[in-house]
């Protein structure tokens, strides 16, 4: 991917009309990100339609949530979401819930634009799969460090080990 394409990216708040495209991109990103952590059988039940249904509910969130889509040539290629902390005793008030970008656009600067839109340079925290070195490098560049907390979370009927990062 050239830097020329990255310069043409539009990052904007998600819209109700984005749910189908978000569902497709979300399903693809989960395959690209978690194929090495989750069995092929678990992914058999993942569908863009099911993910679009999830986005129908997420698109209706209130103003305290920051949810953005990145578009290249009018097509959604990634998305991000942050909002109030969900943990019982959170280390920060704001949490980065998710950031996903299609593999084809990694290294273009689009992920950073999404991150900046949802998080800026303020304090926050997030949970990330422990076996996701690319994500760990990205978050380290953005000032996040592990605080020692970890958890096993259900994911498509299986489990993923996550660690918490804070800044």
N, C-alpha and C. Protein backbone atom coordinates (compact mmCIF):
# COMPACT_ATOMS: atom_id res chain seq x y z
N UNK A 1 0.85 -1.16 0.00
CA UNK A 1 0.00 0.00 0.00
C UNK A 1 0.89 1.23 0.00
N UNK A 2 0.63 2.16 -0.86
CA UNK A 2 1.47 3.35 -0.96
C UNK A 2 1.01 4.40 0.03
N UNK A 3 1.92 5.33 0.34
CA UNK A 3 1.55 6.42 1.23
C UNK A 3 0.56 7.36 0.53
N UNK A 4 0.54 7.35 -0.80
CA UNK A 4 -0.43 8.16 -1.54
C UNK A 4 -1.85 7.72 -1.20
N UNK A 5 -2.07 6.42 -1.11
CA UNK A 5 -3.40 5.92 -0.75
C UNK A 5 -3.74 6.33 0.67
N UNK A 6 -2.78 6.20 1.60
CA UNK A 6 -3.03 6.58 2.99
C UNK A 6 -3.39 8.05 3.09
N UNK A 7 -2.81 8.90 2.27
CA UNK A 7 -3.11 10.33 2.31
C UNK A 7 -4.55 10.61 1.88
N UNK A 8 -5.17 9.70 1.14
CA UNK A 8 -6.53 9.89 0.65
C UNK A 8 -7.58 9.34 1.62
N UNK A 9 -7.16 8.84 2.75
CA UNK A 9 -8.10 8.23 3.69
C UNK A 9 -9.00 9.30 4.32
N UNK A 10 -10.24 8.90 4.54
CA UNK A 10 -11.19 9.73 5.27
C UNK A 10 -11.54 8.98 6.55
N UNK A 11 -11.38 9.63 7.68
CA UNK A 11 -11.79 9.07 8.96
C UNK A 11 -12.97 9.90 9.44
N UNK A 12 -14.09 9.24 9.67
CA UNK A 12 -15.31 9.95 10.06
C UNK A 12 -16.11 9.10 11.05
N UNK A 13 -17.02 9.74 11.79
CA UNK A 13 -17.87 8.95 12.69
C UNK A 13 -18.66 7.91 11.91
N UNK A 14 -18.90 6.75 12.56
CA UNK A 14 -19.69 5.73 11.89
C UNK A 14 -21.13 6.22 11.76
N UNK A 15 -21.82 5.69 10.77
CA UNK A 15 -23.21 6.04 10.49
C UNK A 15 -24.07 4.78 10.49
N UNK A 16 -25.36 4.96 10.70
CA UNK A 16 -26.28 3.82 10.62
C UNK A 16 -26.16 3.11 9.28
N UNK A 17 -25.92 3.86 8.23
CA UNK A 17 -25.84 3.27 6.88
C UNK A 17 -24.56 2.46 6.67
N UNK A 18 -23.63 2.48 7.64
CA UNK A 18 -22.36 1.75 7.53
C UNK A 18 -22.44 0.31 8.00
N UNK A 19 -23.55 -0.11 8.62
CA UNK A 19 -23.54 -1.39 9.34
C UNK A 19 -23.20 -2.59 8.45
N UNK A 20 -23.69 -2.64 7.23
CA UNK A 20 -23.38 -3.79 6.36
C UNK A 20 -21.89 -3.83 6.02
N UNK A 21 -21.32 -2.69 5.65
CA UNK A 21 -19.90 -2.63 5.32
C UNK A 21 -19.05 -2.92 6.56
N UNK A 22 -19.45 -2.38 7.71
CA UNK A 22 -18.72 -2.65 8.95
C UNK A 22 -18.77 -4.14 9.28
N UNK A 23 -19.90 -4.78 9.07
CA UNK A 23 -20.00 -6.21 9.32
C UNK A 23 -19.04 -7.01 8.46
N UNK A 24 -18.94 -6.66 7.18
CA UNK A 24 -18.01 -7.36 6.28
C UNK A 24 -16.57 -7.15 6.71
N UNK A 25 -16.20 -5.90 6.99
CA UNK A 25 -14.82 -5.60 7.37
C UNK A 25 -14.49 -6.22 8.72
N UNK A 26 -15.43 -6.18 9.65
CA UNK A 26 -15.21 -6.74 10.98
C UNK A 26 -14.94 -8.25 10.89
N UNK A 27 -15.77 -8.97 10.14
CA UNK A 27 -15.58 -10.41 9.98
C UNK A 27 -14.23 -10.72 9.34
N UNK A 28 -13.87 -9.97 8.32
CA UNK A 28 -12.57 -10.19 7.65
C UNK A 28 -11.42 -9.90 8.61
N UNK A 29 -11.51 -8.81 9.35
CA UNK A 29 -10.44 -8.45 10.28
C UNK A 29 -10.28 -9.50 11.38
N UNK A 30 -11.38 -10.05 11.86
CA UNK A 30 -11.27 -11.09 12.88
C UNK A 30 -10.54 -12.30 12.32
N UNK A 31 -10.84 -12.69 11.09
CA UNK A 31 -10.11 -13.80 10.47
C UNK A 31 -8.63 -13.45 10.36
N UNK A 32 -8.33 -12.28 9.87
CA UNK A 32 -6.93 -11.89 9.66
C UNK A 32 -6.16 -11.79 10.98
N UNK A 33 -6.84 -11.38 12.04
CA UNK A 33 -6.17 -11.15 13.32
C UNK A 33 -6.08 -12.40 14.18
N UNK A 34 -7.13 -13.23 14.16
CA UNK A 34 -7.23 -14.30 15.14
C UNK A 34 -7.15 -15.71 14.57
N UNK A 35 -6.92 -15.87 13.28
CA UNK A 35 -6.84 -17.21 12.70
C UNK A 35 -5.82 -18.10 13.41
N UNK A 36 -4.74 -17.52 13.91
CA UNK A 36 -3.71 -18.31 14.58
C UNK A 36 -4.07 -18.61 16.05
N UNK A 37 -5.13 -17.99 16.56
CA UNK A 37 -5.51 -18.18 17.96
C UNK A 37 -6.79 -18.98 18.15
N UNK A 38 -7.62 -19.03 17.11
CA UNK A 38 -8.93 -19.66 17.19
C UNK A 38 -9.04 -20.71 16.09
N UNK A 39 -9.73 -21.79 16.38
CA UNK A 39 -9.86 -22.88 15.41
C UNK A 39 -10.72 -22.47 14.21
N UNK A 40 -10.50 -23.14 13.11
CA UNK A 40 -11.30 -22.92 11.91
C UNK A 40 -12.77 -23.22 12.20
N UNK A 41 -13.04 -24.21 13.03
CA UNK A 41 -14.42 -24.56 13.37
C UNK A 41 -15.13 -23.40 14.06
N UNK A 42 -14.44 -22.68 14.92
CA UNK A 42 -15.06 -21.54 15.61
C UNK A 42 -15.44 -20.45 14.62
N UNK A 43 -14.62 -20.27 13.60
CA UNK A 43 -14.89 -19.23 12.61
C UNK A 43 -16.03 -19.59 11.65
N UNK A 44 -16.43 -20.85 11.62
CA UNK A 44 -17.49 -21.26 10.70
C UNK A 44 -18.81 -20.54 10.98
N UNK A 45 -19.02 -20.11 12.20
CA UNK A 45 -20.27 -19.45 12.57
C UNK A 45 -20.20 -17.93 12.46
N UNK A 46 -19.04 -17.42 12.09
CA UNK A 46 -18.87 -15.98 11.94
C UNK A 46 -19.30 -15.57 10.54
N UNK A 47 -20.18 -14.60 10.47
CA UNK A 47 -20.62 -14.15 9.16
C UNK A 47 -20.70 -12.63 9.14
N UNK A 48 -20.49 -12.03 7.98
CA UNK A 48 -20.65 -10.58 7.86
C UNK A 48 -22.06 -10.12 8.29
N UNK A 49 -23.07 -10.93 8.00
CA UNK A 49 -24.44 -10.57 8.37
C UNK A 49 -24.58 -10.50 9.89
N UNK A 50 -24.02 -11.49 10.57
CA UNK A 50 -24.07 -11.51 12.04
C UNK A 50 -23.32 -10.31 12.62
N UNK A 51 -22.19 -9.97 12.04
CA UNK A 51 -21.43 -8.82 12.51
C UNK A 51 -22.18 -7.51 12.22
N UNK A 52 -22.88 -7.44 11.11
CA UNK A 52 -23.68 -6.26 10.79
C UNK A 52 -24.78 -6.06 11.83
N UNK A 53 -25.37 -7.16 12.29
CA UNK A 53 -26.40 -7.07 13.34
C UNK A 53 -25.80 -6.48 14.61
N UNK A 54 -24.60 -6.88 14.95
CA UNK A 54 -23.91 -6.32 16.10
C UNK A 54 -23.71 -4.81 15.92
N UNK A 55 -23.29 -4.41 14.72
CA UNK A 55 -23.06 -3.00 14.44
C UNK A 55 -24.34 -2.18 14.46
N UNK A 56 -25.48 -2.79 14.18
CA UNK A 56 -26.75 -2.07 14.26
C UNK A 56 -26.94 -1.52 15.66
N UNK A 57 -26.57 -2.31 16.67
CA UNK A 57 -26.69 -1.86 18.06
C UNK A 57 -25.58 -0.88 18.43
N UNK A 58 -24.38 -1.14 17.95
CA UNK A 58 -23.25 -0.28 18.31
C UNK A 58 -23.36 1.10 17.67
N UNK A 59 -23.97 1.19 16.50
CA UNK A 59 -24.09 2.48 15.83
C UNK A 59 -25.01 3.43 16.58
N UNK A 60 -25.85 2.89 17.46
CA UNK A 60 -26.81 3.72 18.20
C UNK A 60 -26.28 4.18 19.55
N UNK A 61 -25.02 3.97 19.84
CA UNK A 61 -24.45 4.39 21.12
C UNK A 61 -24.47 5.91 21.25
N UNK A 62 -24.39 6.37 22.49
CA UNK A 62 -24.46 7.79 22.78
C UNK A 62 -23.17 8.55 22.54
N UNK A 63 -23.21 9.83 22.91
CA UNK A 63 -22.11 10.76 22.65
C UNK A 63 -20.83 10.44 23.42
N UNK A 64 -20.93 9.66 24.51
CA UNK A 64 -19.73 9.35 25.28
C UNK A 64 -18.86 8.30 24.59
N UNK A 65 -19.35 7.77 23.47
CA UNK A 65 -18.60 6.78 22.69
C UNK A 65 -18.00 7.45 21.46
N UNK A 66 -16.75 7.11 21.18
CA UNK A 66 -16.06 7.59 19.98
C UNK A 66 -15.91 6.41 19.04
N UNK A 67 -16.66 6.42 17.94
CA UNK A 67 -16.61 5.33 16.97
C UNK A 67 -16.42 5.93 15.59
N UNK A 68 -15.34 5.51 14.94
CA UNK A 68 -14.99 6.06 13.65
C UNK A 68 -14.71 4.95 12.64
N UNK A 69 -14.94 5.27 11.38
CA UNK A 69 -14.60 4.38 10.27
C UNK A 69 -13.55 5.06 9.43
N UNK A 70 -12.65 4.27 8.85
CA UNK A 70 -11.68 4.78 7.87
C UNK A 70 -12.12 4.30 6.51
N UNK A 71 -12.17 5.23 5.56
CA UNK A 71 -12.59 4.91 4.20
C UNK A 71 -11.48 5.25 3.22
N UNK A 72 -11.26 4.39 2.26
CA UNK A 72 -10.36 4.63 1.14
C UNK A 72 -11.19 4.46 -0.11
N UNK A 73 -11.21 5.47 -0.95
CA UNK A 73 -12.03 5.46 -2.17
C UNK A 73 -13.49 5.13 -1.85
N UNK A 74 -13.98 5.65 -0.71
CA UNK A 74 -15.37 5.48 -0.33
C UNK A 74 -15.71 4.15 0.31
N UNK A 75 -14.72 3.25 0.45
CA UNK A 75 -14.96 1.93 1.04
C UNK A 75 -14.35 1.85 2.44
N UNK A 76 -15.10 1.31 3.39
CA UNK A 76 -14.60 1.16 4.75
C UNK A 76 -13.50 0.10 4.77
N UNK A 77 -12.36 0.47 5.36
CA UNK A 77 -11.22 -0.44 5.45
C UNK A 77 -10.81 -0.70 6.90
N UNK A 78 -11.43 0.03 7.83
CA UNK A 78 -11.10 -0.15 9.24
C UNK A 78 -12.04 0.65 10.11
N UNK A 79 -11.95 0.41 11.42
CA UNK A 79 -12.83 1.10 12.36
C UNK A 79 -12.21 1.05 13.75
N UNK A 80 -12.72 1.91 14.62
CA UNK A 80 -12.21 2.03 15.98
C UNK A 80 -13.35 2.44 16.90
N UNK A 81 -13.24 2.07 18.17
CA UNK A 81 -14.24 2.49 19.14
C UNK A 81 -13.64 2.62 20.52
N UNK A 82 -14.01 3.68 21.22
CA UNK A 82 -13.59 3.88 22.60
C UNK A 82 -14.75 4.49 23.36
N UNK A 83 -14.65 4.43 24.68
CA UNK A 83 -15.72 4.98 25.50
C UNK A 83 -15.42 4.80 26.97
N UNK A 84 -16.48 4.90 27.79
CA UNK A 84 -16.30 4.75 29.23
C UNK A 84 -15.74 3.38 29.58
N UNK A 85 -14.92 3.34 30.61
CA UNK A 85 -14.33 2.08 31.07
C UNK A 85 -15.43 1.09 31.43
N UNK A 86 -15.20 -0.18 31.08
CA UNK A 86 -16.17 -1.24 31.37
C UNK A 86 -15.76 -2.11 32.54
N UNK A 87 -14.50 -2.07 32.94
CA UNK A 87 -14.02 -2.92 34.03
C UNK A 87 -14.55 -2.42 35.37
N UNK A 88 -14.63 -3.34 36.32
CA UNK A 88 -15.13 -2.99 37.65
C UNK A 88 -14.23 -1.97 38.35
N UNK A 89 -12.93 -2.19 38.31
CA UNK A 89 -11.96 -1.26 38.90
C UNK A 89 -10.97 -0.83 37.82
N UNK A 90 -11.39 0.03 36.90
CA UNK A 90 -10.53 0.37 35.76
C UNK A 90 -9.33 1.24 36.16
N UNK A 91 -8.23 1.06 35.45
CA UNK A 91 -7.04 1.88 35.73
C UNK A 91 -7.17 3.30 35.17
N UNK A 92 -8.10 3.50 34.25
CA UNK A 92 -8.36 4.81 33.64
C UNK A 92 -9.86 4.92 33.39
N UNK A 93 -10.34 6.13 33.15
CA UNK A 93 -11.77 6.34 32.90
C UNK A 93 -12.20 5.94 31.49
N UNK A 94 -11.27 6.00 30.53
CA UNK A 94 -11.60 5.70 29.13
C UNK A 94 -10.92 4.42 28.69
N UNK A 95 -11.64 3.67 27.84
CA UNK A 95 -11.13 2.40 27.33
C UNK A 95 -11.20 2.39 25.81
N UNK A 96 -10.14 1.90 25.19
CA UNK A 96 -10.17 1.61 23.76
C UNK A 96 -10.74 0.21 23.63
N UNK A 97 -11.93 0.10 23.04
CA UNK A 97 -12.62 -1.19 22.95
C UNK A 97 -12.08 -2.03 21.79
N UNK A 98 -11.83 -1.39 20.66
CA UNK A 98 -11.39 -2.13 19.48
C UNK A 98 -10.80 -1.16 18.46
N UNK A 99 -9.89 -1.69 17.68
CA UNK A 99 -9.38 -1.01 16.49
C UNK A 99 -8.98 -2.12 15.52
N UNK A 100 -9.58 -2.10 14.36
CA UNK A 100 -9.29 -3.11 13.34
C UNK A 100 -9.10 -2.43 12.00
N UNK A 101 -8.15 -2.96 11.25
CA UNK A 101 -7.84 -2.45 9.93
C UNK A 101 -7.51 -3.66 9.05
N UNK A 102 -8.07 -3.68 7.86
CA UNK A 102 -7.77 -4.78 6.94
C UNK A 102 -6.26 -4.90 6.74
N UNK A 103 -5.76 -6.13 6.70
CA UNK A 103 -4.32 -6.37 6.55
C UNK A 103 -3.70 -5.59 5.40
N UNK A 104 -4.41 -5.45 4.32
CA UNK A 104 -3.87 -4.77 3.14
C UNK A 104 -3.50 -3.32 3.43
N UNK A 105 -4.02 -2.75 4.51
CA UNK A 105 -3.77 -1.34 4.83
C UNK A 105 -2.86 -1.16 6.03
N UNK A 106 -2.33 -2.25 6.57
CA UNK A 106 -1.36 -2.12 7.67
C UNK A 106 -0.13 -1.39 7.15
N UNK A 107 0.44 -0.55 7.99
CA UNK A 107 1.66 0.16 7.64
C UNK A 107 1.44 1.41 6.79
N UNK A 108 0.19 1.80 6.60
CA UNK A 108 -0.10 2.98 5.77
C UNK A 108 -0.32 4.25 6.57
N UNK A 109 -0.46 4.13 7.88
CA UNK A 109 -0.78 5.28 8.72
C UNK A 109 -2.27 5.39 9.02
N UNK A 110 -3.08 4.57 8.38
CA UNK A 110 -4.53 4.64 8.61
C UNK A 110 -4.88 4.21 10.03
N UNK A 111 -4.23 3.17 10.53
CA UNK A 111 -4.48 2.73 11.90
C UNK A 111 -4.20 3.84 12.90
N UNK A 112 -3.13 4.59 12.68
CA UNK A 112 -2.81 5.70 13.58
C UNK A 112 -3.88 6.78 13.50
N UNK A 113 -4.37 7.06 12.30
CA UNK A 113 -5.44 8.07 12.16
C UNK A 113 -6.70 7.63 12.90
N UNK A 114 -7.04 6.35 12.81
CA UNK A 114 -8.19 5.84 13.54
C UNK A 114 -7.96 5.98 15.05
N UNK A 115 -6.81 5.54 15.50
CA UNK A 115 -6.48 5.61 16.92
C UNK A 115 -6.57 7.05 17.43
N UNK A 116 -5.97 7.98 16.70
CA UNK A 116 -5.98 9.38 17.11
C UNK A 116 -7.40 9.93 17.19
N UNK A 117 -8.26 9.52 16.26
CA UNK A 117 -9.64 10.01 16.26
C UNK A 117 -10.39 9.55 17.51
N UNK A 118 -10.17 8.32 17.93
CA UNK A 118 -10.92 7.75 19.05
C UNK A 118 -10.29 8.04 20.40
N UNK A 119 -8.96 8.20 20.44
CA UNK A 119 -8.26 8.28 21.72
C UNK A 119 -7.47 9.56 21.94
N UNK A 120 -7.05 10.20 20.87
CA UNK A 120 -6.18 11.37 21.03
C UNK A 120 -4.94 10.99 21.80
N UNK A 121 -4.47 11.90 22.64
CA UNK A 121 -3.27 11.60 23.43
C UNK A 121 -3.60 11.50 24.92
N UNK A 122 -4.87 11.33 25.24
CA UNK A 122 -5.29 11.25 26.64
C UNK A 122 -5.01 9.90 27.26
N UNK A 123 -5.19 9.84 28.58
CA UNK A 123 -5.00 8.57 29.28
C UNK A 123 -6.09 7.58 28.89
N UNK A 124 -5.75 6.31 28.96
CA UNK A 124 -6.72 5.27 28.65
C UNK A 124 -6.12 3.90 28.88
N UNK A 125 -6.92 2.91 28.59
CA UNK A 125 -6.44 1.53 28.69
C UNK A 125 -7.16 0.68 27.65
N UNK A 126 -6.64 -0.54 27.48
CA UNK A 126 -7.23 -1.47 26.52
C UNK A 126 -6.81 -2.88 26.89
N UNK A 127 -7.53 -3.84 26.33
CA UNK A 127 -7.18 -5.25 26.43
C UNK A 127 -6.79 -5.71 25.04
N UNK A 128 -5.71 -6.48 24.94
CA UNK A 128 -5.22 -6.97 23.66
C UNK A 128 -4.79 -8.43 23.81
N UNK A 129 -5.01 -9.20 22.77
CA UNK A 129 -4.57 -10.59 22.80
C UNK A 129 -3.07 -10.64 23.11
N UNK A 130 -2.69 -11.51 24.03
CA UNK A 130 -1.28 -11.58 24.40
C UNK A 130 -0.41 -11.99 23.22
N UNK A 131 -0.96 -12.79 22.31
CA UNK A 131 -0.23 -13.23 21.12
C UNK A 131 -0.64 -12.41 19.90
N UNK A 132 -0.34 -11.12 19.96
CA UNK A 132 -0.63 -10.21 18.84
C UNK A 132 0.51 -9.19 18.78
N UNK A 133 1.69 -9.63 18.35
CA UNK A 133 2.88 -8.75 18.41
C UNK A 133 2.74 -7.45 17.63
N UNK A 134 2.07 -7.47 16.50
CA UNK A 134 1.90 -6.24 15.72
C UNK A 134 1.13 -5.20 16.53
N UNK A 135 0.04 -5.62 17.17
CA UNK A 135 -0.76 -4.71 17.99
C UNK A 135 0.06 -4.20 19.17
N UNK A 136 0.83 -5.09 19.81
CA UNK A 136 1.64 -4.66 20.95
C UNK A 136 2.65 -3.58 20.53
N UNK A 137 3.25 -3.71 19.36
CA UNK A 137 4.19 -2.69 18.88
C UNK A 137 3.46 -1.37 18.62
N UNK A 138 2.29 -1.44 18.02
CA UNK A 138 1.49 -0.25 17.74
C UNK A 138 1.16 0.49 19.05
N UNK A 139 0.68 -0.25 20.03
CA UNK A 139 0.30 0.39 21.30
C UNK A 139 1.51 0.93 22.04
N UNK A 140 2.64 0.24 21.98
CA UNK A 140 3.86 0.75 22.62
C UNK A 140 4.27 2.08 21.99
N UNK A 141 4.17 2.18 20.65
CA UNK A 141 4.49 3.45 19.98
C UNK A 141 3.56 4.57 20.44
N UNK A 142 2.39 4.20 20.92
CA UNK A 142 1.42 5.19 21.38
C UNK A 142 1.43 5.35 22.91
N UNK A 143 2.48 4.86 23.55
CA UNK A 143 2.70 5.12 24.96
C UNK A 143 2.04 4.16 25.93
N UNK A 144 1.54 3.03 25.46
CA UNK A 144 0.90 2.06 26.34
C UNK A 144 1.92 1.05 26.88
N UNK A 145 1.72 0.66 28.13
CA UNK A 145 2.55 -0.36 28.76
C UNK A 145 1.64 -1.35 29.51
N UNK A 146 2.10 -2.57 29.63
CA UNK A 146 1.36 -3.58 30.37
C UNK A 146 1.36 -3.22 31.85
N UNK A 147 0.21 -3.42 32.50
CA UNK A 147 0.13 -3.14 33.94
C UNK A 147 0.07 -4.41 34.77
N UNK A 148 0.25 -5.58 34.14
CA UNK A 148 0.28 -6.85 34.85
C UNK A 148 -1.05 -7.58 34.90
N UNK A 149 -2.15 -6.92 34.52
CA UNK A 149 -3.45 -7.58 34.53
C UNK A 149 -3.61 -8.43 33.27
N UNK A 150 -4.26 -9.58 33.43
CA UNK A 150 -4.55 -10.42 32.28
C UNK A 150 -5.88 -11.12 32.52
N UNK A 151 -6.43 -11.68 31.45
CA UNK A 151 -7.70 -12.38 31.55
C UNK A 151 -7.85 -13.32 30.37
N UNK A 152 -8.72 -14.30 30.54
CA UNK A 152 -9.13 -15.18 29.45
C UNK A 152 -10.57 -14.80 29.12
N UNK A 153 -10.83 -14.47 27.86
CA UNK A 153 -12.17 -14.04 27.47
C UNK A 153 -12.74 -14.98 26.42
N UNK A 154 -14.06 -15.20 26.48
CA UNK A 154 -14.69 -16.03 25.46
C UNK A 154 -14.63 -15.34 24.10
N UNK A 155 -14.37 -16.14 23.07
CA UNK A 155 -14.29 -15.61 21.71
C UNK A 155 -14.76 -16.70 20.76
N UNK A 156 -15.93 -16.51 20.17
CA UNK A 156 -16.49 -17.47 19.23
C UNK A 156 -16.53 -18.89 19.79
N UNK A 157 -16.89 -19.00 21.08
CA UNK A 157 -17.00 -20.31 21.71
C UNK A 157 -15.69 -20.87 22.23
N UNK A 158 -14.60 -20.15 22.06
CA UNK A 158 -13.31 -20.58 22.59
C UNK A 158 -12.82 -19.48 23.54
N UNK A 159 -11.54 -19.44 23.81
CA UNK A 159 -10.98 -18.41 24.70
C UNK A 159 -9.74 -17.80 24.10
N UNK A 160 -9.55 -16.53 24.40
CA UNK A 160 -8.33 -15.82 24.04
C UNK A 160 -7.74 -15.23 25.31
N UNK A 161 -6.44 -15.34 25.45
CA UNK A 161 -5.74 -14.74 26.57
C UNK A 161 -5.41 -13.29 26.21
N UNK A 162 -5.80 -12.37 27.11
CA UNK A 162 -5.53 -10.95 26.88
C UNK A 162 -4.73 -10.36 28.03
N UNK A 163 -3.99 -9.31 27.70
CA UNK A 163 -3.27 -8.52 28.70
C UNK A 163 -3.77 -7.08 28.62
N UNK A 164 -3.68 -6.39 29.75
CA UNK A 164 -4.15 -5.00 29.78
C UNK A 164 -2.96 -4.05 29.62
N UNK A 165 -3.15 -3.05 28.77
CA UNK A 165 -2.17 -2.00 28.55
C UNK A 165 -2.76 -0.66 28.96
N UNK A 166 -1.95 0.20 29.55
CA UNK A 166 -2.42 1.51 30.02
C UNK A 166 -1.43 2.61 29.61
N UNK A 167 -1.97 3.83 29.57
CA UNK A 167 -1.10 5.02 29.46
C UNK A 167 -1.77 6.17 30.18
